PDB file of N, CA and C in Angstrom:
ATOM      1  N   MET A   1     -67.690  47.886-204.587  1.00  0.00           N
ATOM      2  CA  MET A   1     -67.509  48.653-203.377  1.00  0.00           C
ATOM      3  C   MET A   1     -66.015  48.787-203.124  1.00  0.00           C
ATOM      4  N   SER A   2     -65.534  50.003-202.887  1.00  0.00           N
ATOM      5  CA  SER A   2     -64.115  50.215-202.656  1.00  0.00           C
ATOM      6  C   SER A   2     -63.715  49.710-201.286  1.00  0.00           C
ATOM      7  N   SER A   3     -62.403  49.615-201.049  1.00  0.00           N
ATOM      8  CA  SER A   3     -61.920  49.088-199.780  1.00  0.00           C
ATOM      9  C   SER A   3     -62.291  49.981-198.594  1.00  0.00           C
ATOM     10  N   GLU A   4     -62.494  51.285-198.812  1.00  0.00           N
ATOM     11  CA  GLU A   4     -62.876  52.190-197.727  1.00  0.00           C
ATOM     12  C   GLU A   4     -64.389  52.277-197.568  1.00  0.00           C
ATOM     13  N   SER A   5     -65.113  51.684-198.460  1.00  0.00           N
ATOM     14  CA  SER A   5     -66.560  51.727-198.438  1.00  0.00           C
ATOM     15  C   SER A   5     -67.100  50.676-197.474  1.00  0.00           C
ATOM     16  N   LYS A   6     -68.138  51.068-196.726  1.00  0.00           N
ATOM     17  CA  LYS A   6     -68.786  50.161-195.790  1.00  0.00           C
ATOM     18  C   LYS A   6     -70.287  50.178-196.066  1.00  0.00           C
ATOM     19  N   THR A   7     -70.965  49.203-195.508  1.00  0.00           N
ATOM     20  CA  THR A   7     -72.419  49.169-195.578  1.00  0.00           C
ATOM     21  C   THR A   7     -72.980  49.573-194.226  1.00  0.00           C
ATOM     22  N   PHE A   8     -73.963  50.469-194.256  1.00  0.00           N
ATOM     23  CA  PHE A   8     -74.624  50.943-193.046  1.00  0.00           C
ATOM     24  C   PHE A   8     -76.106  50.621-193.145  1.00  0.00           C
ATOM     25  N   HIS A   9     -76.671  50.212-192.017  1.00  0.00           N
ATOM     26  CA  HIS A   9     -78.113  49.971-191.926  1.00  0.00           C
ATOM     27  C   HIS A   9     -78.658  51.054-191.017  1.00  0.00           C
ATOM     28  N   ILE A  10     -79.613  51.835-191.521  1.00  0.00           N
ATOM     29  CA  ILE A  10     -80.135  52.973-190.783  1.00  0.00           C
ATOM     30  C   ILE A  10     -81.653  52.839-190.662  1.00  0.00           C
ATOM     31  N   ILE A  11     -82.145  53.028-189.448  1.00  0.00           N
ATOM     32  CA  ILE A  11     -83.581  53.065-189.193  1.00  0.00           C
ATOM     33  C   ILE A  11     -83.918  54.472-188.693  1.00  0.00           C
ATOM     34  N   VAL A  12     -84.895  55.092-189.344  1.00  0.00           N
ATOM     35  CA  VAL A  12     -85.281  56.457-188.994  1.00  0.00           C
ATOM     36  C   VAL A  12     -86.716  56.454-188.469  1.00  0.00           C
ATOM     37  N   LYS A  13     -86.895  57.052-187.291  1.00  0.00           N
ATOM     38  CA  LYS A  13     -88.224  57.189-186.681  1.00  0.00           C
ATOM     39  C   LYS A  13     -88.587  58.662-186.663  1.00  0.00           C
ATOM     40  N   GLY A  14     -89.864  58.937-186.760  1.00  0.00           N
ATOM     41  CA  GLY A  14     -90.355  60.312-186.711  1.00  0.00           C
ATOM     42  C   GLY A  14     -91.437  60.517-187.748  1.00  0.00           C
ATOM     43  N   SER A  15     -91.542  61.738-188.225  1.00  0.00           N
ATOM     44  CA  SER A  15     -92.489  62.061-189.286  1.00  0.00           C
ATOM     45  C   SER A  15     -91.780  61.810-190.613  1.00  0.00           C
ATOM     46  N   VAL A  16     -91.760  60.527-191.005  1.00  0.00           N
ATOM     47  CA  VAL A  16     -90.925  60.121-192.139  1.00  0.00           C
ATOM     48  C   VAL A  16     -91.674  59.350-193.226  1.00  0.00           C
ATOM     49  N   GLN A  17     -92.976  59.178-193.060  1.00  0.00           N
ATOM     50  CA  GLN A  17     -93.753  58.511-194.105  1.00  0.00           C
ATOM     51  C   GLN A  17     -94.847  59.448-194.601  1.00  0.00           C
ATOM     52  N   GLY A  18     -95.002  59.479-195.919  1.00  0.00           N
ATOM     53  CA  GLY A  18     -96.031  60.321-196.524  1.00  0.00           C
ATOM     54  C   GLY A  18     -95.667  61.793-196.577  1.00  0.00           C
ATOM     55  N   VAL A  19     -94.386  62.110-196.399  1.00  0.00           N
ATOM     56  CA  VAL A  19     -93.945  63.508-196.370  1.00  0.00           C
ATOM     57  C   VAL A  19     -92.755  63.775-197.295  1.00  0.00           C
ATOM     58  N   GLY A  20     -92.458  62.834-198.198  1.00  0.00           N
ATOM     59  CA  GLY A  20     -91.351  63.015-199.136  1.00  0.00           C
ATOM     60  C   GLY A  20     -89.992  62.674-198.571  1.00  0.00           C
ATOM     61  N   PHE A  21     -89.954  61.945-197.454  1.00  0.00           N
ATOM     62  CA  PHE A  21     -88.681  61.639-196.804  1.00  0.00           C
ATOM     63  C   PHE A  21     -87.787  60.742-197.654  1.00  0.00           C
ATOM     64  N   ARG A  22     -88.380  59.719-198.288  1.00  0.00           N
ATOM     65  CA  ARG A  22     -87.560  58.818-199.122  1.00  0.00           C
ATOM     66  C   ARG A  22     -86.925  59.575-200.283  1.00  0.00           C
ATOM     67  N   SER A  23     -87.667  60.488-200.885  1.00  0.00           N
ATOM     68  CA  SER A  23     -87.105  61.302-201.974  1.00  0.00           C
ATOM     69  C   SER A  23     -85.976  62.191-201.463  1.00  0.00           C
ATOM     70  N   LEU A  24     -86.136  62.717-200.258  1.00  0.00           N
ATOM     71  CA  LEU A  24     -85.084  63.526-199.637  1.00  0.00           C
ATOM     72  C   LEU A  24     -83.817  62.696-199.439  1.00  0.00           C
ATOM     73  N   VAL A  25     -83.994  61.470-198.935  1.00  0.00           N
ATOM     74  CA  VAL A  25     -82.853  60.572-198.727  1.00  0.00           C
ATOM     75  C   VAL A  25     -82.156  60.293-200.058  1.00  0.00           C
ATOM     76  N   LYS A  26     -82.932  59.937-201.073  1.00  0.00           N
ATOM     77  CA  LYS A  26     -82.343  59.623-202.383  1.00  0.00           C
ATOM     78  C   LYS A  26     -81.610  60.825-202.957  1.00  0.00           C
ATOM     79  N   HIS A  27     -82.207  61.990-202.889  1.00  0.00           N
ATOM     80  CA  HIS A  27     -81.579  63.199-203.427  1.00  0.00           C
ATOM     81  C   HIS A  27     -80.198  63.423-202.806  1.00  0.00           C
ATOM     82  N   HIS A  28     -80.125  63.339-201.483  1.00  0.00           N
ATOM     83  CA  HIS A  28     -78.849  63.601-200.815  1.00  0.00           C
ATOM     84  C   HIS A  28     -77.863  62.453-200.976  1.00  0.00           C
ATOM     85  N   ALA A  29     -78.357  61.225-201.008  1.00  0.00           N
ATOM     86  CA  ALA A  29     -77.467  60.083-201.240  1.00  0.00           C
ATOM     87  C   ALA A  29     -76.837  60.187-202.629  1.00  0.00           C
ATOM     88  N   ASP A  30     -77.638  60.536-203.629  1.00  0.00           N
ATOM     89  CA  ASP A  30     -77.111  60.714-204.991  1.00  0.00           C
ATOM     90  C   ASP A  30     -76.075  61.831-205.023  1.00  0.00           C
ATOM     91  N   LYS A  31     -76.382  62.939-204.354  1.00  0.00           N
ATOM     92  CA  LYS A  31     -75.473  64.080-204.308  1.00  0.00           C
ATOM     93  C   LYS A  31     -74.130  63.720-203.669  1.00  0.00           C
ATOM     94  N   LEU A  32     -74.176  62.828-202.677  1.00  0.00           N
ATOM     95  CA  LEU A  32     -72.962  62.414-201.963  1.00  0.00           C
ATOM     96  C   LEU A  32     -72.264  61.221-202.616  1.00  0.00           C
ATOM     97  N   GLY A  33     -72.840  60.694-203.691  1.00  0.00           N
ATOM     98  CA  GLY A  33     -72.225  59.557-204.374  1.00  0.00           C
ATOM     99  C   GLY A  33     -72.369  58.244-203.628  1.00  0.00           C
ATOM    100  N   LEU A  34     -73.444  58.111-202.858  1.00  0.00           N
ATOM    101  CA  LEU A  34     -73.686  56.888-202.097  1.00  0.00           C
ATOM    102  C   LEU A  34     -74.613  55.963-202.874  1.00  0.00           C
ATOM    103  N   SER A  35     -74.571  54.692-202.551  1.00  0.00           N
ATOM    104  CA  SER A  35     -75.471  53.728-203.179  1.00  0.00           C
ATOM    105  C   SER A  35     -76.242  52.999-202.092  1.00  0.00           C
ATOM    106  N   GLY A  36     -77.378  52.399-202.478  1.00  0.00           N
ATOM    107  CA  GLY A  36     -78.176  51.657-201.517  1.00  0.00           C
ATOM    108  C   GLY A  36     -79.653  51.751-201.809  1.00  0.00           C
ATOM    109  N   THR A  37     -80.455  51.598-200.740  1.00  0.00           N
ATOM    110  CA  THR A  37     -81.906  51.639-200.877  1.00  0.00           C
ATOM    111  C   THR A  37     -82.529  52.348-199.685  1.00  0.00           C
ATOM    112  N   VAL A  38     -83.729  52.858-199.901  1.00  0.00           N
ATOM    113  CA  VAL A  38     -84.541  53.426-198.832  1.00  0.00           C
ATOM    114  C   VAL A  38     -85.959  52.918-199.022  1.00  0.00           C
ATOM    115  N   LYS A  39     -86.605  52.506-197.919  1.00  0.00           N
ATOM    116  CA  LYS A  39     -87.988  52.043-198.027  1.00  0.00           C
ATOM    117  C   LYS A  39     -88.732  52.274-196.726  1.00  0.00           C
ATOM    118  N   ASN A  40     -90.055  52.434-196.846  1.00  0.00           N
ATOM    119  CA  ASN A  40     -90.938  52.529-195.692  1.00  0.00           C
ATOM    120  C   ASN A  40     -91.152  51.139-195.123  1.00  0.00           C
ATOM    121  N   LEU A  41     -91.174  51.049-193.803  1.00  0.00           N
ATOM    122  CA  LEU A  41     -91.517  49.795-193.141  1.00  0.00           C
ATOM    123  C   LEU A  41     -92.931  49.906-192.576  1.00  0.00           C
ATOM    124  N   SER A  42     -93.556  48.774-192.356  1.00  0.00           N
ATOM    125  CA  SER A  42     -94.951  48.745-191.908  1.00  0.00           C
ATOM    126  C   SER A  42     -95.146  49.333-190.509  1.00  0.00           C
ATOM    127  N   ASN A  43     -94.075  49.465-189.728  1.00  0.00           N
ATOM    128  CA  ASN A  43     -94.196  50.008-188.372  1.00  0.00           C
ATOM    129  C   ASN A  43     -94.067  51.533-188.332  1.00  0.00           C
ATOM    130  N   GLY A  44     -94.017  52.189-189.506  1.00  0.00           N
ATOM    131  CA  GLY A  44     -93.960  53.644-189.567  1.00  0.00           C
ATOM    132  C   GLY A  44     -92.566  54.233-189.642  1.00  0.00           C
ATOM    133  N   THR A  45     -91.554  53.380-189.629  1.00  0.00           N
ATOM    134  CA  THR A  45     -90.178  53.854-189.750  1.00  0.00           C
ATOM    135  C   THR A  45     -89.718  53.752-191.198  1.00  0.00           C
ATOM    136  N   VAL A  46     -88.532  54.294-191.457  1.00  0.00           N
ATOM    137  CA  VAL A  46     -87.907  54.187-192.769  1.00  0.00           C
ATOM    138  C   VAL A  46     -86.588  53.443-192.596  1.00  0.00           C
ATOM    139  N   GLU A  47     -86.346  52.482-193.491  1.00  0.00           N
ATOM    140  CA  GLU A  47     -85.124  51.681-193.462  1.00  0.00           C
ATOM    141  C   GLU A  47     -84.233  52.079-194.631  1.00  0.00           C
ATOM    142  N   ILE A  48     -82.959  52.295-194.321  1.00  0.00           N
ATOM    143  CA  ILE A  48     -81.983  52.668-195.333  1.00  0.00           C
ATOM    144  C   ILE A  48     -80.808  51.705-195.261  1.00  0.00           C
ATOM    145  N   TYR A  49     -80.432  51.151-196.392  1.00  0.00           N
ATOM    146  CA  TYR A  49     -79.147  50.471-196.538  1.00  0.00           C
ATOM    147  C   TYR A  49     -78.327  51.393-197.404  1.00  0.00           C
ATOM    148  N   VAL A  50     -77.165  51.776-196.942  1.00  0.00           N
ATOM    149  CA  VAL A  50     -76.337  52.696-197.715  1.00  0.00           C
ATOM    150  C   VAL A  50     -74.898  52.220-197.701  1.00  0.00           C
ATOM    151  N   GLN A  51     -74.267  52.325-198.863  1.00  0.00           N
ATOM    152  CA  GLN A  51     -72.864  51.944-198.997  1.00  0.00           C
ATOM    153  C   GLN A  51     -72.057  53.159-199.416  1.00  0.00           C
ATOM    154  N   GLY A  52     -70.938  53.348-198.724  1.00  0.00           N
ATOM    155  CA  GLY A  52     -70.053  54.460-199.023  1.00  0.00           C
ATOM    156  C   GLY A  52     -69.073  54.650-197.887  1.00  0.00           C
ATOM    157  N   ASP A  53     -68.253  55.693-197.986  1.00  0.00           N
ATOM    158  CA  ASP A  53     -67.303  55.924-196.901  1.00  0.00           C
ATOM    159  C   ASP A  53     -68.027  56.573-195.717  1.00  0.00           C
ATOM    160  N   GLU A  54     -67.468  56.355-194.547  1.00  0.00           N
ATOM    161  CA  GLU A  54     -68.102  56.765-193.299  1.00  0.00           C
ATOM    162  C   GLU A  54     -68.379  58.269-193.242  1.00  0.00           C
ATOM    163  N   ASP A  55     -67.486  59.091-193.779  1.00  0.00           N
ATOM    164  CA  ASP A  55     -67.654  60.537-193.753  1.00  0.00           C
ATOM    165  C   ASP A  55     -68.894  60.963-194.545  1.00  0.00           C
ATOM    166  N   ARG A  56     -69.075  60.387-195.727  1.00  0.00           N
ATOM    167  CA  ARG A  56     -70.236  60.752-196.547  1.00  0.00           C
ATOM    168  C   ARG A  56     -71.542  60.255-195.935  1.00  0.00           C
ATOM    169  N   VAL A  57     -71.502  59.085-195.335  1.00  0.00           N
ATOM    170  CA  VAL A  57     -72.707  58.570-194.670  1.00  0.00           C
ATOM    171  C   VAL A  57     -73.047  59.458-193.471  1.00  0.00           C
ATOM    172  N   SER A  58     -72.033  59.927-192.773  1.00  0.00           N
ATOM    173  CA  SER A  58     -72.241  60.852-191.662  1.00  0.00           C
ATOM    174  C   SER A  58     -72.872  62.158-192.154  1.00  0.00           C
ATOM    175  N   GLN A  59     -72.416  62.643-193.305  1.00  0.00           N
ATOM    176  CA  GLN A  59     -73.015  63.843-193.903  1.00  0.00           C
ATOM    177  C   GLN A  59     -74.491  63.608-194.217  1.00  0.00           C
ATOM    178  N   LEU A  60     -74.794  62.413-194.741  1.00  0.00           N
ATOM    179  CA  LEU A  60     -76.187  62.078-195.051  1.00  0.00           C
ATOM    180  C   LEU A  60     -77.042  62.093-193.788  1.00  0.00           C
ATOM    181  N   THR A  61     -76.574  61.468-192.721  1.00  0.00           N
ATOM    182  CA  THR A  61     -77.378  61.423-191.497  1.00  0.00           C
ATOM    183  C   THR A  61     -77.572  62.826-190.904  1.00  0.00           C
ATOM    184  N   CYS A  62     -76.581  63.687-191.044  1.00  0.00           N
ATOM    185  CA  CYS A  62     -76.726  65.078-190.572  1.00  0.00           C
ATOM    186  C   CYS A  62     -77.835  65.791-191.330  1.00  0.00           C
ATOM    187  N   VAL A  63     -77.880  65.606-192.646  1.00  0.00           N
ATOM    188  CA  VAL A  63     -78.927  66.220-193.468  1.00  0.00           C
ATOM    189  C   VAL A  63     -80.297  65.671-193.076  1.00  0.00           C
ATOM    190  N   LEU A  64     -80.364  64.374-192.824  1.00  0.00           N
ATOM    191  CA  LEU A  64     -81.644  63.759-192.469  1.00  0.00           C
ATOM    192  C   LEU A  64     -82.149  64.275-191.128  1.00  0.00           C
ATOM    193  N   LYS A  65     -81.241  64.543-190.198  1.00  0.00           N
ATOM    194  CA  LYS A  65     -81.633  65.091-188.888  1.00  0.00           C
ATOM    195  C   LYS A  65     -82.261  66.467-189.043  1.00  0.00           C
ATOM    196  N   GLU A  66     -81.771  67.241-190.019  1.00  0.00           N
ATOM    197  CA  GLU A  66     -82.314  68.576-190.264  1.00  0.00           C
ATOM    198  C   GLU A  66     -83.732  68.507-190.818  1.00  0.00           C
ATOM    199  N   GLY A  67     -84.002  67.464-191.616  1.00  0.00           N
ATOM    200  CA  GLY A  67     -85.311  67.307-192.226  1.00  0.00           C
ATOM    201  C   GLY A  67     -85.573  68.371-193.276  1.00  0.00           C
ATOM    202  N   LYS A  68     -86.790  68.371-193.779  1.00  0.00           N
ATOM    203  CA  LYS A  68     -87.202  69.373-194.766  1.00  0.00           C
ATOM    204  C   LYS A  68     -88.716  69.341-194.852  1.00  0.00           C
ATOM    205  N   GLY A  69     -89.328  70.502-194.808  1.00  0.00           N
ATOM    206  CA  GLY A  69     -90.778  70.555-194.860  1.00  0.00           C
ATOM    207  C   GLY A  69     -91.384  69.807-193.696  1.00  0.00           C
ATOM    208  N   LEU A  70     -92.289  68.890-193.989  1.00  0.00           N
ATOM    209  CA  LEU A  70     -92.942  68.097-192.948  1.00  0.00           C
ATOM    210  C   LEU A  70     -92.110  66.898-192.502  1.00  0.00           C
ATOM    211  N   ALA A  71     -91.053  66.583-193.246  1.00  0.00           N
ATOM    212  CA  ALA A  71     -90.212  65.428-192.916  1.00  0.00           C
ATOM    213  C   ALA A  71     -89.303  65.761-191.739  1.00  0.00           C
ATOM    214  N   LYS A  72     -89.477  65.041-190.645  1.00  0.00           N
ATOM    215  CA  LYS A  72     -88.691  65.274-189.440  1.00  0.00           C
ATOM    216  C   LYS A  72     -88.256  63.934-188.848  1.00  0.00           C
ATOM    217  N   ALA A  73     -86.950  63.732-188.767  1.00  0.00           N
ATOM    218  CA  ALA A  73     -86.413  62.526-188.142  1.00  0.00           C
ATOM    219  C   ALA A  73     -86.240  62.792-186.653  1.00  0.00           C
ATOM    220  N   GLU A  74     -86.950  62.037-185.828  1.00  0.00           N
ATOM    221  CA  GLU A  74     -86.830  62.196-184.379  1.00  0.00           C
ATOM    222  C   GLU A  74     -85.718  61.330-183.813  1.00  0.00           C
ATOM    223  N   HIS A  75     -85.472  60.191-184.441  1.00  0.00           N
ATOM    224  CA  HIS A  75     -84.418  59.283-183.971  1.00  0.00           C
ATOM    225  C   HIS A  75     -83.822  58.560-185.174  1.00  0.00           C
ATOM    226  N   ILE A  76     -82.494  58.544-185.239  1.00  0.00           N
ATOM    227  CA  ILE A  76     -81.793  57.838-186.315  1.00  0.00           C
ATOM    228  C   ILE A  76     -80.843  56.836-185.680  1.00  0.00           C
ATOM    229  N   ASN A  77     -81.064  55.568-185.976  1.00  0.00           N
ATOM    230  CA  ASN A  77     -80.191  54.507-185.476  1.00  0.00           C
ATOM    231  C   ASN A  77     -79.313  54.023-186.626  1.00  0.00           C
ATOM    232  N   VAL A  78     -78.008  54.144-186.464  1.00  0.00           N
ATOM    233  CA  VAL A  78     -77.057  53.760-187.506  1.00  0.00           C
ATOM    234  C   VAL A  78     -76.255  52.568-187.024  1.00  0.00           C
ATOM    235  N   ASP A  79     -76.297  51.496-187.788  1.00  0.00           N
ATOM    236  CA  ASP A  79     -75.505  50.293-187.501  1.00  0.00           C
ATOM    237  C   ASP A  79     -74.491  50.139-188.623  1.00  0.00           C
ATOM    238  N   ASP A  80     -73.203  50.201-188.270  1.00  0.00           N
ATOM    239  CA  ASP A  80     -72.169  50.092-189.299  1.00  0.00           C
ATOM    240  C   ASP A  80     -71.498  48.732-189.311  1.00  0.00           C
ATOM    241  N   ASP A  81     -72.010  47.807-188.514  1.00  0.00           N
ATOM    242  CA  ASP A  81     -71.457  46.455-188.485  1.00  0.00           C
ATOM    243  C   ASP A  81     -72.439  45.534-189.193  1.00  0.00           C
ATOM    244  N   VAL A  82     -72.597  45.780-190.504  1.00  0.00           N
ATOM    245  CA  VAL A  82     -73.659  45.129-191.266  1.00  0.00           C
ATOM    246  C   VAL A  82     -73.074  44.368-192.440  1.00  0.00           C
ATOM    247  N   ARG A  83     -73.613  43.211-192.668  1.00  0.00           N
ATOM    248  CA  ARG A  83     -73.282  42.469-193.879  1.00  0.00           C
ATOM    249  C   ARG A  83     -74.238  42.942-194.967  1.00  0.00           C
ATOM    250  N   ALA A  84     -73.679  43.399-196.060  1.00  0.00           N
ATOM    251  CA  ALA A  84     -74.489  43.947-197.146  1.00  0.00           C
ATOM    252  C   ALA A  84     -75.388  42.883-197.763  1.00  0.00           C
ATOM    253  N   PRO A  85     -76.691  43.219-197.954  1.00  0.00           N
ATOM    254  CA  PRO A  85     -77.566  42.286-198.655  1.00  0.00           C
ATOM    255  C   PRO A  85     -77.060  42.048-200.080  1.00  0.00           C
ATOM    256  N   LYS A  86     -76.413  43.071-200.635  1.00  0.00           N
ATOM    257  CA  LYS A  86     -75.811  42.981-201.958  1.00  0.00           C
ATOM    258  C   LYS A  86     -74.945  44.215-202.158  1.00  0.00           C
ATOM    259  N   GLU A  87     -74.208  44.256-203.233  1.00  0.00           N
ATOM    260  CA  GLU A  87     -73.461  45.464-203.580  1.00  0.00           C
ATOM    261  C   GLU A  87     -74.344  46.310-204.481  1.00  0.00           C
ATOM    262  N   TYR A  88     -74.637  47.507-204.046  1.00  0.00           N
ATOM    263  CA  TYR A  88     -75.528  48.397-204.773  1.00  0.00           C
ATOM    264  C   TYR A  88     -74.732  49.210-205.797  1.00  0.00           C
ATOM    265  N   GLN A  89     -75.336  49.438-206.944  1.00  0.00           N
ATOM    266  CA  GLN A  89     -74.705  50.218-208.007  1.00  0.00           C
ATOM    267  C   GLN A  89     -75.191  51.662-208.027  1.00  0.00           C
ATOM    268  N   SER A  90     -76.361  51.905-207.421  1.00  0.00           N
ATOM    269  CA  SER A  90     -76.969  53.233-207.399  1.00  0.00           C
ATOM    270  C   SER A  90     -77.794  53.325-206.117  1.00  0.00           C
ATOM    271  N   PHE A  91     -78.479  54.443-205.946  1.00  0.00           N
ATOM    272  CA  PHE A  91     -79.357  54.588-204.777  1.00  0.00           C
ATOM    273  C   PHE A  91     -80.796  54.591-205.286  1.00  0.00           C
ATOM    274  N   GLU A  92     -81.624  53.712-204.711  1.00  0.00           N
ATOM    275  CA  GLU A  92     -82.989  53.525-205.199  1.00  0.00           C
ATOM    276  C   GLU A  92     -84.007  53.590-204.064  1.00  0.00           C
ATOM    277  N   ILE A  93     -85.183  54.082-204.407  1.00  0.00           N
ATOM    278  CA  ILE A  93     -86.338  54.014-203.510  1.00  0.00           C
ATOM    279  C   ILE A  93     -87.017  52.675-203.769  1.00  0.00           C
ATOM    280  N   VAL A  94     -87.231  51.914-202.702  1.00  0.00           N
ATOM    281  CA  VAL A  94     -87.876  50.602-202.803  1.00  0.00           C
ATOM    282  C   VAL A  94     -89.316  50.741-202.313  1.00  0.00           C
ATOM    283  N   PHE A  95     -90.239  50.187-203.097  1.00  0.00           N
ATOM    284  CA  PHE A  95     -91.658  50.243-202.725  1.00  0.00           C
ATOM    285  C   PHE A  95     -92.145  48.894-202.246  1.00  0.00           C
TER     286      PHE A  95
END
């Protein structure tokens, strides 16, 4: 992780499970050169750990707010004061 890179913990609420939302997150994270993970939580939300510079993470959250198809984020909570569970080398969907 570079010196300008930070870890962000993001929780997304809305129509985000069973609609291709995790694939959407991975596609845009890869495009932006971000690393981390995305997974569905049992409470119906999606959890994202993402590492990268703040500007690119902001771009990712903007794309997620727009949604695609049936995937619609109603609320996105971004916490940037996070201790990374690990240093990620790529962006992965976690099952």
